[in-house]
């Protein structure tokens, strides 16, 4: 089986969880020399939404360079691009599959795909920096597990 090479992350507004996951996986995969493309979208995203400063600071502390990000909606066209669609919550999964059942086989909870069971990734929006840090730690743990298994070189 060919490992997924185009990974789409989905959350609500596409500025916190999915944006952080997109940037972090891109960084981690490149550091390992893996051919993985990343993107993100949200089920209620608006293009004027901005990535919170806390998310940018935490990613910079992880060694990621500054980045530009424009929130976008998880449309059929956006979803079609992905080999693997990783959602942050069961609610996100249910929303996508209600609208686009053709993506059932490609859509999974991030934590579940990483082997941590059917857990949601907590939304840090409008919360203190500590909540953003915990969220990013959960995302990092999940991505590291995926890189060892499903997305890794021997996957």
Protein backbone atom coordinates (compact mmCIF):
# COMPACT_ATOMS: atom_id res chain seq x y z
CA UNK A 1 0.00 0.00 0.00
CA UNK A 2 1.32 3.45 -0.94
CA UNK A 3 1.57 5.81 2.03
CA UNK A 4 -0.55 8.95 1.85
CA UNK A 5 1.48 11.82 0.52
CA UNK A 6 -1.11 14.63 0.50
CA UNK A 7 -2.42 15.25 4.00
CA UNK A 8 -5.23 17.70 4.73
CA UNK A 9 -5.96 18.80 8.29
CA UNK A 10 -9.44 20.06 9.18
CA UNK A 11 -10.72 21.95 12.21
CA UNK A 12 -13.33 24.67 12.69
CA UNK A 13 -11.86 28.02 11.60
CA UNK A 14 -8.61 26.80 10.01
CA UNK A 15 -6.41 29.12 12.06
CA UNK A 16 -5.43 27.14 15.17
CA UNK A 17 -5.36 23.34 15.21
CA UNK A 18 -5.39 22.55 11.49
CA UNK A 19 -3.05 25.42 10.61
CA UNK A 20 -0.57 24.37 13.32
CA UNK A 21 -0.77 20.72 12.21
CA UNK A 22 -0.23 21.67 8.55
CA UNK A 23 2.85 23.74 9.30
CA UNK A 24 4.32 21.31 11.83
CA UNK A 25 3.91 18.22 9.63
CA UNK A 26 5.45 20.08 6.68
CA UNK A 27 8.43 20.95 8.90
CA UNK A 28 8.83 17.48 10.43
CA UNK A 29 8.48 15.66 7.10
CA UNK A 30 11.03 17.94 5.41
CA UNK A 31 13.50 17.39 8.26
CA UNK A 32 13.18 13.62 7.63
CA UNK A 33 13.44 13.96 3.85
CA UNK A 34 9.89 12.67 3.36
CA UNK A 35 7.78 13.59 0.36
CA UNK A 36 4.61 14.72 2.15
CA UNK A 37 2.47 17.65 1.04
CA UNK A 38 0.32 19.34 3.67
CA UNK A 39 -2.70 21.63 3.59
CA UNK A 40 -5.51 22.61 5.90
CA UNK A 41 -9.10 23.83 5.90
CA UNK A 42 -11.97 24.49 8.27
CA UNK A 43 -15.64 23.57 8.37
CA UNK A 44 -16.53 27.20 9.26
CA UNK A 45 -13.49 29.08 7.94
CA UNK A 46 -13.54 32.62 6.59
CA UNK A 47 -10.62 34.00 4.56
CA UNK A 48 -10.22 37.00 6.88
CA UNK A 49 -9.56 34.81 9.95
CA UNK A 50 -5.99 35.22 11.25
CA UNK A 51 -3.67 32.70 12.92
CA UNK A 52 -3.41 33.76 16.58
CA UNK A 53 -0.07 35.15 17.74
CA UNK A 54 0.20 32.38 20.35
CA UNK A 55 0.16 29.73 17.60
CA UNK A 56 2.82 31.57 15.59
CA UNK A 57 5.05 32.01 18.67
CA UNK A 58 4.77 28.34 19.63
CA UNK A 59 5.56 27.15 16.10
CA UNK A 60 8.55 29.51 15.96
CA UNK A 61 9.75 27.99 19.24
CA UNK A 62 9.58 24.58 17.48
CA UNK A 63 12.00 25.92 14.87
CA UNK A 64 9.48 26.69 12.15
CA UNK A 65 10.13 29.73 9.98
CA UNK A 66 7.50 32.49 9.75
CA UNK A 67 4.64 31.58 7.41
CA UNK A 68 1.65 33.12 5.69
CA UNK A 69 -1.71 31.40 6.10
CA UNK A 70 -5.14 32.18 4.68
CA UNK A 71 -8.06 30.32 6.22
CA UNK A 72 -10.18 28.38 3.75
CA UNK A 73 -13.34 26.36 3.81
CA UNK A 74 -13.31 22.56 3.56
CA UNK A 75 -15.10 22.23 0.22
CA UNK A 76 -15.43 19.15 -1.97
CA UNK A 77 -12.63 20.47 -4.20
CA UNK A 78 -10.29 21.01 -1.25
CA UNK A 79 -11.07 17.57 0.20
CA UNK A 80 -10.61 15.86 -3.19
CA UNK A 81 -6.92 16.93 -3.23
CA UNK A 82 -6.05 14.86 -0.13
CA UNK A 83 -4.97 11.25 0.16
CA UNK A 84 -5.64 11.50 3.91
CA UNK A 85 -8.00 13.90 5.69
CA UNK A 86 -7.20 14.26 9.39
CA UNK A 87 -9.87 16.00 11.46
CA UNK A 88 -9.46 17.34 14.98
CA UNK A 89 -12.82 16.21 16.41
CA UNK A 90 -15.59 13.70 15.82
CA UNK A 91 -17.84 16.69 15.11
CA UNK A 92 -15.56 17.77 12.25
CA UNK A 93 -15.57 14.23 10.86
CA UNK A 94 -19.35 13.97 11.08
CA UNK A 95 -19.82 17.36 9.41
CA UNK A 96 -17.57 16.45 6.48
CA UNK A 97 -19.05 13.00 5.99
CA UNK A 98 -22.63 14.31 6.19
CA UNK A 99 -21.86 16.71 3.34
CA UNK A 100 -19.35 14.58 1.41
CA UNK A 101 -19.81 10.87 2.13
CA UNK A 102 -17.50 10.00 -0.75
CA UNK A 103 -14.55 10.92 1.50
CA UNK A 104 -15.37 8.39 4.25
CA UNK A 105 -12.43 6.10 3.46
CA UNK A 106 -9.94 9.01 3.54
CA UNK A 107 -11.22 10.79 6.68
CA UNK A 108 -9.96 9.97 10.16
CA UNK A 109 -9.60 11.58 13.55
CA UNK A 110 -6.01 12.76 14.01
CA UNK A 111 -5.62 11.13 17.42
CA UNK A 112 -7.18 7.86 16.28
CA UNK A 113 -5.04 7.69 13.13
CA UNK A 114 -1.99 8.19 15.35
CA UNK A 115 -2.97 5.27 17.59
CA UNK A 116 -4.32 7.20 20.59
CA UNK A 117 -7.96 6.18 20.32
CA UNK A 118 -11.00 8.23 19.49
CA UNK A 119 -9.90 11.46 21.18
CA UNK A 120 -10.63 15.00 20.08
CA UNK A 121 -7.95 17.69 19.94
CA UNK A 122 -9.05 20.54 22.22
CA UNK A 123 -9.74 23.91 20.57
CA UNK A 124 -7.38 26.56 22.00
CA UNK A 125 -9.07 29.54 20.32
CA UNK A 126 -9.45 32.55 22.65
CA UNK A 127 -7.79 30.63 25.47
CA UNK A 128 -4.52 31.28 27.34
CA UNK A 129 -1.13 30.43 25.82
CA UNK A 130 -0.90 27.32 28.04
CA UNK A 131 -3.92 25.84 26.23
CA UNK A 132 -2.26 26.54 22.86
CA UNK A 133 0.92 24.86 24.14
CA UNK A 134 -1.00 21.76 25.26
CA UNK A 135 -2.82 21.64 21.94
CA UNK A 136 0.43 21.86 19.98
CA UNK A 137 1.98 19.15 22.18
CA UNK A 138 -0.95 16.83 21.38
CA UNK A 139 -0.64 17.60 17.67
CA UNK A 140 3.14 17.03 17.76
CA UNK A 141 2.74 13.71 19.58
CA UNK A 142 0.16 12.62 16.99
CA UNK A 143 2.28 13.66 14.02
CA UNK A 144 5.40 11.97 15.40
CA UNK A 145 3.40 8.73 15.78
CA UNK A 146 2.06 9.04 12.23
CA UNK A 147 5.56 9.66 10.88
CA UNK A 148 6.74 6.46 12.55
CA UNK A 149 3.90 4.46 11.03
CA UNK A 150 1.55 5.59 8.28
CA UNK A 151 3.53 8.50 6.84
CA UNK A 152 7.03 7.21 7.46
CA UNK A 153 9.51 5.99 4.86
CA UNK A 154 8.65 2.32 5.35
CA UNK A 155 4.89 2.85 5.53
